[in-house]
Amino acid sequence: MSGQEHPRQSGSHRLPPPSPADRVELPPPTPEDRTEIVQPWSRATPWLVFLGIIAVSAIVIVLL
């Protein structure tokens, strides 16, 4: 009996294909979401500075 359970478990681990119902659950974009998309600099600035420092240091290491 255990041999029959393994295929069922392996099948359950597989991700089902995206269904139209999942797409309908996504809410439509609201003006509030658009303002967040228009002004992402407050959140992205720390990452841009961090990546910029890494890029400059990498260029210096390559030149040396």
Protein backbone atom coordinates (compact mmCIF):
# COMPACT_ATOMS: atom_id res chain seq x y z
CA MET A 1 0.00 0.00 0.00
CA SER A 2 2.88 2.35 0.75
CA GLY A 3 4.08 2.00 -2.84
CA GLN A 4 0.79 3.43 -4.08
CA GLU A 5 1.01 6.42 -1.71
CA HIS A 6 4.35 7.65 -3.03
CA PRO A 7 3.10 8.59 -6.54
CA ARG A 8 0.20 10.46 -4.96
CA GLN A 9 2.55 12.41 -2.68
CA SER A 10 4.93 13.23 -5.53
CA GLY A 11 1.99 14.38 -7.63
CA SER A 12 0.76 16.64 -4.83
CA HIS A 13 4.16 18.35 -4.63
CA ARG A 14 3.91 19.44 -8.27
CA LEU A 15 2.65 22.99 -8.72
CA PRO A 16 -0.67 23.17 -10.60
CA PRO A 17 -0.76 25.30 -13.77
CA PRO A 18 -2.02 28.87 -13.26
CA SER A 19 -5.79 28.94 -13.59
CA PRO A 20 -7.95 31.90 -14.68
CA ALA A 21 -9.40 32.02 -11.15
CA ASP A 22 -5.97 32.99 -9.77
CA ARG A 23 -5.75 35.86 -12.25
CA VAL A 24 -9.20 37.13 -11.26
CA GLU A 25 -8.13 37.27 -7.59
CA LEU A 26 -5.55 39.97 -8.39
CA PRO A 27 -7.05 43.39 -7.59
CA PRO A 28 -7.03 46.06 -10.33
CA PRO A 29 -4.47 48.87 -9.93
CA THR A 30 -5.76 51.74 -7.82
CA PRO A 31 -4.53 55.38 -7.81
CA GLU A 32 -2.75 54.62 -4.52
CA ASP A 33 -0.76 51.81 -6.13
CA ARG A 34 0.13 54.09 -9.04
CA THR A 35 1.54 56.74 -6.70
CA GLU A 36 3.72 54.07 -5.09
CA ILE A 37 4.98 53.00 -8.52
CA VAL A 38 5.63 56.60 -9.59
CA GLN A 39 7.69 57.34 -6.45
CA PRO A 40 9.87 54.27 -5.74
CA TRP A 41 13.01 56.30 -5.01
CA SER A 42 12.47 56.47 -1.24
CA ARG A 43 12.61 52.66 -1.07
CA ALA A 44 15.15 52.07 -3.86
CA THR A 45 17.73 54.69 -2.82
CA PRO A 46 19.45 52.55 -0.12
CA TRP A 47 19.73 49.64 -2.56
CA LEU A 48 21.06 51.90 -5.32
CA VAL A 49 23.71 53.31 -2.97
CA PHE A 50 24.64 49.80 -1.80
CA LEU A 51 24.89 48.46 -5.35
CA GLY A 52 26.81 51.56 -6.43
CA ILE A 53 29.43 51.03 -3.71
CA ILE A 54 29.79 47.38 -4.74
CA ALA A 55 30.14 48.35 -8.41
CA VAL A 56 32.79 51.01 -7.68
CA SER A 57 34.75 48.64 -5.45
CA ALA A 58 34.58 45.91 -8.10
CA ILE A 59 35.89 48.30 -10.77
CA VAL A 60 38.74 49.41 -8.49
CA ILE A 61 39.69 45.79 -7.79
CA VAL A 62 39.68 44.99 -11.51
CA LEU A 63 41.83 48.01 -12.34
CA LEU A 64 44.33 47.13 -9.61
